[in-house]
Amino acid sequence: MIPLLLRAPVVVRIGNSMAGLALGLCAVAVLASTVPTWWGDAEFAVASSPVAAAVGYLVVRAWRLGVRCEPDVLVVRGWLWSRRIPCSAVTDVPRDPAGTLFALGVTWRHGGRRRWTPLTAFWVSSDPFGLVSPAAEDALRLLRLWSAPVDDR
């Protein structure tokens, strides 16, 4: 199989990164409003460091959302972690059910159990300008073609 990298459109990656940044700013604002009066700047900086690290992690992960198709494994990059799925285990790639691209995921088997991994890079809840849905549909079409056996193409 040919290696393939499928990423969300730039507008989606920027939007997801900004959502992670906004979440972090809200967390810092809540932390700042609950700081004890005896805390100084150093204590606040120490207390907010884990929040800043988590925000940085989310912003970078949001920017890297996507699917990397390698010859023998499918790597799905999500908000929190990446999942490596053997190609032989993939049982279903979504087909855009009922015209909605929300909550799509790859179905696969591991140890006799059915698993589902979300494709958050291609989730579209609304697309008033028609910029995101066509790109998500193209990415899903390419993923289906890539995952299909050679004789089924």
Foldseek 3Di string as FASTA:
>chain_A
DDKDWAFFPPVQLVVQLVVLVVVLVVVLVVCVVPDDPPDDPVVSCVVSVVSVVSSVLQSVLSNRATWIDDPFWIWGRDRPGIDTHGLVFFDDQDQCPPVAQAFGWTWGDDPNDIDTDTRVRQHDPDDVPPPGNVSSNVSSVVVVVVSDDPVVD
